[in-house]
Structures are given as structure tokens and as C-alpha cells.
N, C-alpha and C. Protein backbone atom coordinates (compact mmCIF):
# COMPACT_ATOMS: atom_id res chain seq x y z
N MET A 1 0.84 -1.20 0.00
CA MET A 1 0.00 0.00 0.00
C MET A 1 0.87 1.25 0.00
N GLU A 2 0.52 2.21 -0.85
CA GLU A 2 1.24 3.47 -0.91
C GLU A 2 0.84 4.36 0.26
N HIS A 3 1.81 5.07 0.81
CA HIS A 3 1.55 5.97 1.93
C HIS A 3 1.85 7.40 1.51
N LEU A 4 0.82 8.25 1.55
CA LEU A 4 0.98 9.67 1.23
C LEU A 4 0.87 10.47 2.53
N LEU A 5 1.85 11.31 2.79
CA LEU A 5 1.83 12.17 3.96
C LEU A 5 1.39 13.57 3.55
N PHE A 6 0.34 14.06 4.20
CA PHE A 6 -0.15 15.41 3.94
C PHE A 6 0.24 16.31 5.11
N VAL A 7 1.10 17.27 4.85
CA VAL A 7 1.54 18.22 5.87
C VAL A 7 0.71 19.49 5.71
N ASN A 8 -0.17 19.72 6.65
CA ASN A 8 -1.12 20.83 6.59
C ASN A 8 -0.55 22.02 7.37
N GLY A 9 -0.10 23.04 6.63
CA GLY A 9 0.42 24.25 7.24
C GLY A 9 -0.52 25.43 7.08
N CYS A 10 -1.81 25.15 6.99
CA CYS A 10 -2.82 26.19 6.74
C CYS A 10 -3.33 26.73 8.07
N VAL A 11 -2.79 27.87 8.49
CA VAL A 11 -3.05 28.39 9.84
C VAL A 11 -4.48 28.89 10.05
N ARG A 12 -5.22 29.10 8.99
CA ARG A 12 -6.62 29.53 9.14
C ARG A 12 -7.60 28.35 9.12
N GLY A 13 -7.08 27.16 9.19
CA GLY A 13 -7.94 25.97 9.27
C GLY A 13 -8.81 25.82 8.04
N GLU A 14 -10.02 25.36 8.26
CA GLU A 14 -10.92 25.05 7.15
C GLU A 14 -11.37 26.29 6.38
N LYS A 15 -11.11 27.47 6.91
CA LYS A 15 -11.42 28.71 6.18
C LYS A 15 -10.36 29.01 5.12
N SER A 16 -9.26 28.33 5.19
CA SER A 16 -8.12 28.60 4.31
C SER A 16 -8.40 28.23 2.86
N ARG A 17 -8.10 29.15 1.96
CA ARG A 17 -8.23 28.87 0.53
C ARG A 17 -7.23 27.81 0.10
N THR A 18 -6.03 27.86 0.68
CA THR A 18 -5.02 26.86 0.37
C THR A 18 -5.49 25.47 0.77
N LEU A 19 -6.11 25.39 1.95
CA LEU A 19 -6.58 24.08 2.42
C LEU A 19 -7.71 23.55 1.54
N LYS A 20 -8.58 24.44 1.08
CA LYS A 20 -9.64 24.01 0.15
C LYS A 20 -9.04 23.40 -1.11
N LEU A 21 -7.99 24.04 -1.63
CA LEU A 21 -7.31 23.54 -2.83
C LEU A 21 -6.63 22.20 -2.54
N ALA A 22 -6.01 22.10 -1.39
CA ALA A 22 -5.35 20.85 -1.01
C ALA A 22 -6.35 19.72 -0.83
N ARG A 23 -7.47 20.02 -0.18
CA ARG A 23 -8.50 18.97 0.04
C ARG A 23 -9.05 18.48 -1.31
N ARG A 24 -9.20 19.39 -2.25
CA ARG A 24 -9.69 19.00 -3.58
C ARG A 24 -8.68 18.05 -4.23
N PHE A 25 -7.39 18.42 -4.19
CA PHE A 25 -6.38 17.54 -4.76
C PHE A 25 -6.40 16.17 -4.10
N LEU A 26 -6.43 16.14 -2.77
CA LEU A 26 -6.37 14.87 -2.05
C LEU A 26 -7.60 14.01 -2.32
N GLU A 27 -8.76 14.65 -2.42
CA GLU A 27 -9.99 13.93 -2.73
C GLU A 27 -9.89 13.25 -4.10
N ARG A 28 -9.43 13.99 -5.10
CA ARG A 28 -9.29 13.43 -6.45
C ARG A 28 -8.16 12.41 -6.50
N TYR A 29 -7.09 12.65 -5.74
CA TYR A 29 -5.98 11.71 -5.74
C TYR A 29 -6.42 10.37 -5.16
N GLN A 30 -7.16 10.41 -4.05
CA GLN A 30 -7.61 9.16 -3.44
C GLN A 30 -8.61 8.43 -4.33
N ALA A 31 -9.42 9.19 -5.07
CA ALA A 31 -10.37 8.55 -5.99
C ALA A 31 -9.61 7.83 -7.11
N ALA A 32 -8.52 8.43 -7.56
CA ALA A 32 -7.72 7.84 -8.64
C ALA A 32 -6.77 6.76 -8.14
N HIS A 33 -6.44 6.80 -6.85
CA HIS A 33 -5.49 5.85 -6.25
C HIS A 33 -6.08 5.30 -4.95
N PRO A 34 -7.12 4.46 -5.06
CA PRO A 34 -7.86 4.01 -3.87
C PRO A 34 -7.04 3.21 -2.87
N ASP A 35 -5.92 2.68 -3.28
CA ASP A 35 -5.09 1.90 -2.35
C ASP A 35 -4.13 2.76 -1.54
N THR A 36 -4.16 4.06 -1.76
CA THR A 36 -3.25 4.96 -1.03
C THR A 36 -3.80 5.27 0.36
N GLU A 37 -2.92 5.15 1.35
CA GLU A 37 -3.26 5.57 2.71
C GLU A 37 -2.74 6.98 2.91
N VAL A 38 -3.63 7.90 3.30
CA VAL A 38 -3.25 9.30 3.52
C VAL A 38 -3.21 9.59 5.01
N THR A 39 -2.09 10.11 5.47
CA THR A 39 -1.94 10.54 6.86
C THR A 39 -1.75 12.05 6.87
N GLU A 40 -2.55 12.74 7.68
CA GLU A 40 -2.45 14.20 7.76
C GLU A 40 -1.72 14.61 9.03
N VAL A 41 -0.78 15.53 8.87
CA VAL A 41 -0.11 16.17 10.00
C VAL A 41 -0.50 17.64 9.97
N ASP A 42 -1.19 18.09 11.01
CA ASP A 42 -1.58 19.49 11.13
C ASP A 42 -0.53 20.17 12.00
N VAL A 43 0.31 21.00 11.37
CA VAL A 43 1.43 21.58 12.12
C VAL A 43 0.96 22.56 13.20
N CYS A 44 -0.23 23.13 13.03
CA CYS A 44 -0.74 24.02 14.07
C CYS A 44 -1.21 23.23 15.28
N ALA A 45 -1.84 22.09 15.04
CA ALA A 45 -2.29 21.23 16.14
C ALA A 45 -1.12 20.55 16.82
N GLN A 46 -0.08 20.25 16.06
CA GLN A 46 1.08 19.53 16.59
C GLN A 46 1.87 20.37 17.59
N ARG A 47 1.93 21.67 17.35
CA ARG A 47 2.57 22.61 18.27
C ARG A 47 4.00 22.24 18.64
N LEU A 48 4.80 21.89 17.64
CA LEU A 48 6.20 21.61 17.91
C LEU A 48 6.90 22.87 18.41
N SER A 49 7.80 22.71 19.36
CA SER A 49 8.54 23.85 19.89
C SER A 49 9.59 24.32 18.90
N PRO A 50 9.77 25.63 18.78
CA PRO A 50 10.89 26.12 17.98
C PRO A 50 12.21 25.61 18.57
N GLN A 51 13.25 25.64 17.79
CA GLN A 51 14.52 25.11 18.26
C GLN A 51 15.28 26.16 19.08
N TYR A 52 14.69 26.47 20.22
CA TYR A 52 15.35 27.33 21.18
C TYR A 52 16.58 26.60 21.73
N PRO A 53 17.49 27.31 22.40
CA PRO A 53 18.71 26.66 22.88
C PRO A 53 18.47 25.39 23.69
N GLU A 54 17.48 25.41 24.58
CA GLU A 54 17.24 24.22 25.40
C GLU A 54 16.69 23.06 24.58
N VAL A 55 15.90 23.37 23.53
CA VAL A 55 15.37 22.32 22.66
C VAL A 55 16.51 21.70 21.85
N LEU A 56 17.39 22.55 21.34
CA LEU A 56 18.55 22.05 20.59
C LEU A 56 19.47 21.23 21.47
N ALA A 57 19.64 21.66 22.71
CA ALA A 57 20.51 20.91 23.63
C ALA A 57 19.95 19.51 23.87
N GLU A 58 18.63 19.43 24.08
CA GLU A 58 18.01 18.12 24.29
C GLU A 58 18.12 17.27 23.02
N ARG A 59 17.83 17.89 21.89
CA ARG A 59 17.91 17.18 20.61
C ARG A 59 19.32 16.64 20.36
N ASP A 60 20.32 17.47 20.59
CA ASP A 60 21.70 17.04 20.39
C ASP A 60 22.07 15.90 21.33
N ALA A 61 21.63 16.00 22.58
CA ALA A 61 21.95 14.95 23.55
C ALA A 61 21.32 13.61 23.15
N VAL A 62 20.06 13.66 22.72
CA VAL A 62 19.37 12.43 22.31
C VAL A 62 20.02 11.86 21.05
N TRP A 63 20.32 12.74 20.08
CA TRP A 63 20.95 12.28 18.84
C TRP A 63 22.32 11.68 19.10
N ASN A 64 23.13 12.35 19.92
CA ASN A 64 24.49 11.86 20.22
C ASN A 64 24.47 10.54 20.98
N ALA A 65 23.37 10.28 21.69
CA ALA A 65 23.24 9.01 22.41
C ALA A 65 22.69 7.90 21.51
N GLY A 66 22.48 8.24 20.23
CA GLY A 66 21.97 7.24 19.28
C GLY A 66 20.47 7.01 19.39
N GLY A 67 19.75 8.00 19.93
CA GLY A 67 18.32 7.82 20.17
C GLY A 67 17.43 8.22 19.03
N LEU A 68 17.74 7.81 17.82
CA LEU A 68 16.92 8.19 16.66
C LEU A 68 15.52 7.60 16.71
N ASP A 69 15.31 6.60 17.58
CA ASP A 69 13.99 5.99 17.72
C ASP A 69 13.15 6.70 18.79
N GLN A 70 13.67 7.75 19.38
CA GLN A 70 12.96 8.46 20.44
C GLN A 70 11.81 9.30 19.86
N PRO A 71 10.76 9.58 20.68
CA PRO A 71 9.60 10.35 20.20
C PRO A 71 9.96 11.70 19.59
N MET A 72 11.03 12.33 20.07
CA MET A 72 11.43 13.63 19.55
C MET A 72 11.63 13.59 18.04
N PHE A 73 12.06 12.45 17.52
CA PHE A 73 12.36 12.33 16.10
C PHE A 73 11.26 11.63 15.31
N ALA A 74 10.11 11.39 15.94
CA ALA A 74 9.00 10.71 15.26
C ALA A 74 8.53 11.46 14.01
N PRO A 75 8.38 12.81 14.04
CA PRO A 75 7.97 13.50 12.81
C PRO A 75 8.96 13.30 11.67
N ALA A 76 10.24 13.29 11.96
CA ALA A 76 11.25 13.09 10.92
C ALA A 76 11.16 11.67 10.35
N ARG A 77 10.98 10.68 11.22
CA ARG A 77 10.86 9.30 10.75
C ARG A 77 9.61 9.12 9.88
N GLN A 78 8.51 9.75 10.29
CA GLN A 78 7.27 9.68 9.51
C GLN A 78 7.46 10.29 8.13
N PHE A 79 8.10 11.45 8.07
CA PHE A 79 8.34 12.13 6.81
C PHE A 79 9.25 11.29 5.91
N ALA A 80 10.31 10.75 6.47
CA ALA A 80 11.28 9.98 5.70
C ALA A 80 10.67 8.70 5.13
N ALA A 81 9.66 8.16 5.80
CA ALA A 81 9.08 6.87 5.39
C ALA A 81 7.97 7.00 4.36
N ALA A 82 7.46 8.21 4.13
CA ALA A 82 6.33 8.39 3.20
C ALA A 82 6.74 8.13 1.76
N ASP A 83 5.81 7.55 1.00
CA ASP A 83 6.05 7.31 -0.43
C ASP A 83 5.89 8.57 -1.26
N LYS A 84 4.93 9.41 -0.86
CA LYS A 84 4.70 10.70 -1.51
C LYS A 84 4.32 11.70 -0.44
N ILE A 85 4.59 12.98 -0.71
CA ILE A 85 4.36 14.02 0.29
C ILE A 85 3.64 15.19 -0.37
N VAL A 86 2.62 15.69 0.32
CA VAL A 86 1.92 16.91 -0.09
C VAL A 86 2.04 17.89 1.07
N ILE A 87 2.53 19.09 0.77
CA ILE A 87 2.60 20.15 1.77
C ILE A 87 1.72 21.30 1.29
N ALA A 88 0.86 21.80 2.17
CA ALA A 88 -0.02 22.91 1.82
C ALA A 88 0.17 24.04 2.83
N ALA A 89 0.43 25.23 2.33
CA ALA A 89 0.58 26.40 3.20
C ALA A 89 0.34 27.66 2.39
N PRO A 90 -0.25 28.68 3.02
CA PRO A 90 -0.48 29.94 2.30
C PRO A 90 0.81 30.71 2.11
N PHE A 91 0.81 31.58 1.12
CA PHE A 91 1.92 32.51 0.91
C PHE A 91 1.86 33.52 2.05
N TRP A 92 2.93 33.59 2.84
CA TRP A 92 2.87 34.30 4.11
C TRP A 92 4.17 35.08 4.29
N ASP A 93 4.11 36.39 4.20
CA ASP A 93 5.32 37.22 4.36
C ASP A 93 6.45 36.72 3.48
N LEU A 94 6.14 36.50 2.21
CA LEU A 94 7.06 36.06 1.16
C LEU A 94 7.45 34.58 1.27
N SER A 95 6.96 33.89 2.29
CA SER A 95 7.33 32.49 2.48
C SER A 95 6.10 31.69 2.91
N PHE A 96 6.15 31.11 4.09
CA PHE A 96 5.02 30.35 4.63
C PHE A 96 4.98 30.56 6.14
N PRO A 97 3.90 30.18 6.80
CA PRO A 97 3.77 30.44 8.24
C PRO A 97 4.88 29.79 9.07
N ALA A 98 5.17 30.42 10.20
CA ALA A 98 6.24 29.96 11.09
C ALA A 98 6.02 28.53 11.57
N ALA A 99 4.76 28.13 11.76
CA ALA A 99 4.49 26.77 12.24
C ALA A 99 5.04 25.73 11.27
N LEU A 100 4.95 26.00 9.97
CA LEU A 100 5.51 25.07 8.99
C LEU A 100 7.03 25.11 9.02
N LYS A 101 7.60 26.29 9.17
CA LYS A 101 9.06 26.41 9.25
C LYS A 101 9.60 25.61 10.44
N ILE A 102 8.91 25.69 11.57
CA ILE A 102 9.32 24.92 12.75
C ILE A 102 9.28 23.43 12.45
N TYR A 103 8.19 22.98 11.81
CA TYR A 103 8.07 21.56 11.45
C TYR A 103 9.23 21.14 10.55
N LEU A 104 9.52 21.93 9.53
CA LEU A 104 10.58 21.58 8.59
C LEU A 104 11.95 21.54 9.28
N GLU A 105 12.16 22.44 10.22
CA GLU A 105 13.41 22.39 10.98
C GLU A 105 13.48 21.12 11.84
N ARG A 106 12.36 20.76 12.43
CA ARG A 106 12.36 19.61 13.33
C ARG A 106 12.51 18.28 12.60
N ILE A 107 12.09 18.22 11.32
CA ILE A 107 12.24 16.96 10.58
C ILE A 107 13.58 16.86 9.87
N SER A 108 14.34 17.94 9.86
CA SER A 108 15.66 17.90 9.22
C SER A 108 16.66 17.31 10.22
N VAL A 109 16.73 15.99 10.22
CA VAL A 109 17.53 15.26 11.21
C VAL A 109 18.55 14.39 10.47
N THR A 110 19.82 14.60 10.77
CA THR A 110 20.88 13.79 10.18
C THR A 110 20.66 12.32 10.50
N ASP A 111 20.80 11.48 9.50
CA ASP A 111 20.63 10.03 9.57
C ASP A 111 19.17 9.59 9.57
N ILE A 112 18.24 10.55 9.40
CA ILE A 112 16.83 10.18 9.22
C ILE A 112 16.34 10.72 7.88
N THR A 113 16.32 12.03 7.70
CA THR A 113 15.84 12.60 6.43
C THR A 113 16.99 12.92 5.48
N PHE A 114 18.18 13.06 6.02
CA PHE A 114 19.36 13.27 5.18
C PHE A 114 20.59 12.80 5.94
N GLY A 115 21.69 12.65 5.24
CA GLY A 115 22.93 12.24 5.88
C GLY A 115 24.11 12.69 5.05
N TYR A 116 25.24 12.05 5.26
CA TYR A 116 26.46 12.42 4.54
C TYR A 116 27.18 11.16 4.09
N ASP A 117 27.77 11.22 2.89
CA ASP A 117 28.54 10.06 2.42
C ASP A 117 29.98 10.15 2.94
N ALA A 118 30.79 9.20 2.52
CA ALA A 118 32.17 9.12 3.02
C ALA A 118 33.00 10.35 2.66
N ASP A 119 32.59 11.07 1.62
CA ASP A 119 33.31 12.27 1.20
C ASP A 119 32.74 13.55 1.80
N GLY A 120 31.75 13.40 2.67
CA GLY A 120 31.15 14.56 3.32
C GLY A 120 30.06 15.24 2.53
N ASN A 121 29.62 14.61 1.43
CA ASN A 121 28.54 15.19 0.63
C ASN A 121 27.18 14.86 1.24
N SER A 122 26.28 15.82 1.20
CA SER A 122 24.93 15.59 1.71
C SER A 122 24.20 14.58 0.83
N VAL A 123 23.51 13.63 1.47
CA VAL A 123 22.76 12.59 0.77
C VAL A 123 21.35 12.52 1.35
N GLY A 124 20.35 12.59 0.47
CA GLY A 124 18.97 12.49 0.93
C GLY A 124 18.60 11.07 1.32
N LEU A 125 17.83 10.94 2.39
CA LEU A 125 17.46 9.61 2.89
C LEU A 125 15.95 9.38 2.88
N CYS A 126 15.19 10.32 2.33
CA CYS A 126 13.74 10.16 2.31
C CYS A 126 13.31 9.20 1.20
N LYS A 127 12.28 8.44 1.49
CA LYS A 127 11.77 7.42 0.55
C LYS A 127 10.93 8.04 -0.57
N ALA A 128 10.33 9.18 -0.31
CA ALA A 128 9.34 9.76 -1.24
C ALA A 128 9.91 9.96 -2.64
N SER A 129 9.11 9.60 -3.62
CA SER A 129 9.49 9.81 -5.02
C SER A 129 9.01 11.16 -5.53
N LYS A 130 7.97 11.71 -4.86
CA LYS A 130 7.40 12.98 -5.30
C LYS A 130 6.96 13.82 -4.12
N LEU A 131 7.06 15.13 -4.30
CA LEU A 131 6.56 16.09 -3.32
C LEU A 131 5.75 17.14 -4.06
N LEU A 132 4.59 17.47 -3.52
CA LEU A 132 3.74 18.53 -4.09
C LEU A 132 3.59 19.62 -3.05
N TYR A 133 3.87 20.86 -3.46
CA TYR A 133 3.66 22.01 -2.59
C TYR A 133 2.47 22.81 -3.13
N ILE A 134 1.46 23.01 -2.29
CA ILE A 134 0.23 23.71 -2.67
C ILE A 134 0.16 25.02 -1.92
N THR A 135 -0.12 26.11 -2.63
CA THR A 135 -0.24 27.41 -1.97
C THR A 135 -1.23 28.30 -2.71
N THR A 136 -1.68 29.34 -2.02
CA THR A 136 -2.47 30.40 -2.65
C THR A 136 -1.83 31.73 -2.27
N ARG A 137 -1.93 32.68 -3.19
CA ARG A 137 -1.33 34.00 -2.97
C ARG A 137 -2.34 35.10 -3.29
N GLY A 138 -2.29 36.16 -2.51
CA GLY A 138 -3.18 37.28 -2.76
C GLY A 138 -2.78 38.07 -3.99
N GLY A 139 -1.47 38.16 -4.24
CA GLY A 139 -0.96 38.89 -5.39
C GLY A 139 -0.30 37.96 -6.38
N TYR A 140 0.64 38.50 -7.13
CA TYR A 140 1.32 37.73 -8.18
C TYR A 140 2.81 37.67 -7.87
N TYR A 141 3.25 36.54 -7.39
CA TYR A 141 4.63 36.39 -6.93
C TYR A 141 5.35 35.19 -7.54
N ALA A 142 4.64 34.26 -8.14
CA ALA A 142 5.27 33.05 -8.67
C ALA A 142 6.37 33.42 -9.66
N GLY A 143 7.52 32.78 -9.51
CA GLY A 143 8.62 33.00 -10.43
C GLY A 143 9.40 34.28 -10.20
N THR A 144 9.07 35.02 -9.14
CA THR A 144 9.80 36.25 -8.83
C THR A 144 10.72 36.02 -7.64
N PRO A 145 11.70 36.90 -7.43
CA PRO A 145 12.59 36.77 -6.27
C PRO A 145 11.85 36.87 -4.94
N LEU A 146 10.62 37.38 -4.95
CA LEU A 146 9.86 37.52 -3.71
C LEU A 146 9.21 36.21 -3.26
N ASP A 147 9.19 35.22 -4.12
CA ASP A 147 8.62 33.92 -3.75
C ASP A 147 9.70 33.05 -3.13
N ILE A 148 9.96 33.28 -1.87
CA ILE A 148 11.00 32.55 -1.16
C ILE A 148 10.56 31.12 -0.85
N ALA A 149 9.27 30.92 -0.64
CA ALA A 149 8.75 29.60 -0.26
C ALA A 149 9.10 28.54 -1.30
N THR A 150 8.90 28.85 -2.56
CA THR A 150 9.15 27.87 -3.62
C THR A 150 10.62 27.43 -3.62
N GLN A 151 11.51 28.39 -3.51
CA GLN A 151 12.95 28.05 -3.49
C GLN A 151 13.31 27.23 -2.26
N HIS A 152 12.70 27.56 -1.14
CA HIS A 152 12.95 26.82 0.10
C HIS A 152 12.54 25.35 -0.07
N ILE A 153 11.36 25.13 -0.60
CA ILE A 153 10.85 23.76 -0.79
C ILE A 153 11.71 23.00 -1.79
N LYS A 154 12.11 23.65 -2.89
CA LYS A 154 12.99 23.00 -3.87
C LYS A 154 14.30 22.57 -3.22
N GLY A 155 14.88 23.46 -2.42
CA GLY A 155 16.14 23.15 -1.76
C GLY A 155 16.01 21.99 -0.79
N LEU A 156 14.95 21.98 0.00
CA LEU A 156 14.74 20.89 0.95
C LEU A 156 14.55 19.56 0.23
N ALA A 157 13.83 19.58 -0.89
CA ALA A 157 13.63 18.34 -1.65
C ALA A 157 14.96 17.77 -2.11
N VAL A 158 15.87 18.63 -2.54
CA VAL A 158 17.20 18.17 -2.93
C VAL A 158 17.91 17.57 -1.73
N MET A 159 17.87 18.27 -0.61
CA MET A 159 18.55 17.80 0.60
C MET A 159 17.98 16.46 1.07
N TYR A 160 16.67 16.32 0.97
CA TYR A 160 16.01 15.10 1.44
C TYR A 160 16.08 13.96 0.42
N GLY A 161 16.52 14.25 -0.80
CA GLY A 161 16.62 13.21 -1.82
C GLY A 161 15.31 12.89 -2.51
N ILE A 162 14.41 13.86 -2.57
CA ILE A 162 13.12 13.67 -3.25
C ILE A 162 13.27 14.17 -4.68
N PRO A 163 13.24 13.28 -5.67
CA PRO A 163 13.65 13.66 -7.03
C PRO A 163 12.65 14.50 -7.82
N CYS A 164 11.38 14.43 -7.49
CA CYS A 164 10.36 15.09 -8.31
C CYS A 164 9.52 16.03 -7.44
N VAL A 165 9.52 17.32 -7.79
CA VAL A 165 8.78 18.31 -7.01
C VAL A 165 7.78 19.02 -7.92
N HIS A 166 6.54 19.08 -7.48
CA HIS A 166 5.47 19.77 -8.22
C HIS A 166 4.97 20.95 -7.39
N PHE A 167 4.42 21.95 -8.08
CA PHE A 167 3.84 23.10 -7.40
C PHE A 167 2.44 23.35 -7.97
N LEU A 168 1.50 23.62 -7.07
CA LEU A 168 0.12 23.93 -7.46
C LEU A 168 -0.27 25.20 -6.71
N ASP A 169 -0.68 26.23 -7.46
CA ASP A 169 -1.01 27.48 -6.79
C ASP A 169 -2.20 28.17 -7.44
N ALA A 170 -2.72 29.13 -6.70
CA ALA A 170 -3.72 30.08 -7.21
C ALA A 170 -3.23 31.45 -6.79
N GLU A 171 -3.17 32.38 -7.74
CA GLU A 171 -2.65 33.71 -7.46
C GLU A 171 -3.69 34.78 -7.74
N GLY A 172 -3.41 35.98 -7.22
CA GLY A 172 -4.27 37.13 -7.48
C GLY A 172 -5.58 37.09 -6.73
N LEU A 173 -5.65 36.32 -5.65
CA LEU A 173 -6.92 36.12 -4.95
C LEU A 173 -7.35 37.31 -4.10
N ASP A 174 -6.45 38.25 -3.87
CA ASP A 174 -6.82 39.46 -3.13
C ASP A 174 -6.85 40.70 -4.02
N ASP A 175 -6.70 40.51 -5.31
CA ASP A 175 -6.75 41.61 -6.27
C ASP A 175 -8.23 41.91 -6.57
N VAL A 176 -8.67 43.10 -6.20
CA VAL A 176 -10.09 43.45 -6.32
C VAL A 176 -10.58 43.42 -7.77
N ARG A 177 -9.68 43.45 -8.72
CA ARG A 177 -10.07 43.42 -10.14
C ARG A 177 -10.45 42.01 -10.60
N ASN A 178 -10.11 41.02 -9.79
CA ASN A 178 -10.27 39.62 -10.21
C ASN A 178 -11.54 38.96 -9.68
N ASP A 179 -11.99 37.98 -10.41
CA ASP A 179 -13.05 37.10 -9.93
C ASP A 179 -12.36 36.00 -9.13
N LYS A 180 -12.32 36.16 -7.80
CA LYS A 180 -11.56 35.25 -6.94
C LYS A 180 -12.04 33.81 -7.05
N GLN A 181 -13.36 33.64 -7.12
CA GLN A 181 -13.90 32.29 -7.19
C GLN A 181 -13.50 31.62 -8.50
N ALA A 182 -13.50 32.38 -9.58
CA ALA A 182 -13.11 31.82 -10.87
C ALA A 182 -11.64 31.39 -10.84
N LEU A 183 -10.79 32.20 -10.23
CA LEU A 183 -9.37 31.85 -10.13
C LEU A 183 -9.17 30.57 -9.31
N LEU A 184 -9.92 30.47 -8.22
CA LEU A 184 -9.80 29.28 -7.38
C LEU A 184 -10.33 28.05 -8.11
N GLU A 185 -11.40 28.22 -8.86
CA GLU A 185 -11.95 27.10 -9.63
C GLU A 185 -10.96 26.62 -10.70
N GLN A 186 -10.27 27.56 -11.33
CA GLN A 186 -9.25 27.18 -12.32
C GLN A 186 -8.13 26.37 -11.65
N ALA A 187 -7.75 26.78 -10.44
CA ALA A 187 -6.74 26.03 -9.70
C ALA A 187 -7.25 24.65 -9.33
N MET A 188 -8.54 24.55 -8.99
CA MET A 188 -9.14 23.25 -8.66
C MET A 188 -9.07 22.31 -9.87
N GLU A 189 -9.31 22.86 -11.05
CA GLU A 189 -9.22 22.04 -12.26
C GLU A 189 -7.80 21.56 -12.50
N ARG A 190 -6.83 22.41 -12.21
CA ARG A 190 -5.43 21.98 -12.31
C ARG A 190 -5.12 20.90 -11.27
N ALA A 191 -5.73 21.03 -10.11
CA ALA A 191 -5.55 20.02 -9.06
C ALA A 191 -6.09 18.67 -9.52
N ASP A 192 -7.25 18.68 -10.18
CA ASP A 192 -7.85 17.44 -10.68
C ASP A 192 -6.92 16.75 -11.68
N ALA A 193 -6.36 17.55 -12.59
CA ALA A 193 -5.48 16.98 -13.61
C ALA A 193 -4.20 16.44 -12.97
N LEU A 194 -3.64 17.18 -12.02
CA LEU A 194 -2.41 16.76 -11.36
C LEU A 194 -2.63 15.50 -10.54
N ALA A 195 -3.80 15.35 -9.96
CA ALA A 195 -4.10 14.18 -9.14
C ALA A 195 -4.01 12.89 -9.94
N GLU A 196 -4.25 12.96 -11.21
CA GLU A 196 -4.21 11.78 -12.07
C GLU A 196 -2.77 11.30 -12.30
N GLU A 197 -1.84 12.23 -12.36
CA GLU A 197 -0.47 11.88 -12.74
C GLU A 197 0.52 11.88 -11.58
N PHE A 198 0.14 12.47 -10.44
CA PHE A 198 1.08 12.61 -9.33
C PHE A 198 1.42 11.25 -8.71
């Protein structure tokens, strides 16, 4: 059975336009791939602590003691074991909400999601063959230097060893000149098509 991990970074919950787009993709994906098991991680509900000095000290102590099986590293092990990964988060101050950043920092664990070879080169250890990042933006930022989130996700995929990265977005949703619902519907249609091939 295929395992898809859905990382929900939508801080406005079910009111979130990004989450609506993600739910549409996941609904169509499961219809097209009925044997897939989907596990959702809500980063807001999870409430992982930022890596303050005391958190890092504990993490380092557990890691140095060889405790990769400890609960502290459970999110990293879950991420590394997934066959496919979907991350959804709104465009937020040129990137994504802090809760998702904290999650991504906490899953970046040497010898779980990435490691190093004998020559000191970084090697990805994640099982996932594909990662999809879903977002919505009020303005038009895709492909510009202001879209830091996309570059961040691309870089992490390389570090984690995930070879195929897709992006699904809806833009211009806060532009008063636009028909917001029409833009979101167009993104939903793209989600349907992507669900077939992802």
C-alpha cells in the first residue's frame, strides 16, 4: 500500500483557501489511487517547539546518544518513510507560516531525512518519489525573487533526496479586479489533472 503524507500548514484551518485547494487535490488523488493511505499532519495542532537553545541541547543529547527511535524524532521518521508528500501552506510574508518552518526544521535530522557520504557530501534519505507544494497567494509572486517559499521547498527536496517536485497554486486572490472564485476554480481544475499523474 502506498503511503501519502499530507503536511497541513494552513493556519486559518478550514477557512483557508489553500486548504480548500489541497483537500480538492487529495480527494481526487484518493479517488484515482484508492489503495493509497493518507496521513495528515496538522502543524498548528502539533505545536512543535521552535529550536530554542534548550530544545537544541536536548535534541543534540538524544541524537548523540543514538536515540533516533525516540519520540522527539518521530515527525522526521514519519516524513522519511512516506512514499509521496503533499505540503499545503499559504503565501505568508514572502514564504510560509512559522508553524511550517518549525516543522521543517524539526524533521531535518541527520541520519533520518538526510545524511552524509564518506566524502562529506549531503545525501537524501527520504523514501518519497514525489513532493507537491500547494499554496495560494493574494498577489502575483510566482517566479519572482519575492517567492522565497518555492525556493525553500525546492532546496529541501534536494537535501532530502526527493527527485520530483510539483507546485500547485492560485494567485491574485486578493486583487479586487479579479473574480476570486473563478481563479480558485481554475486552480481546482489543475488540481484534478495533477491528481491523475502525481
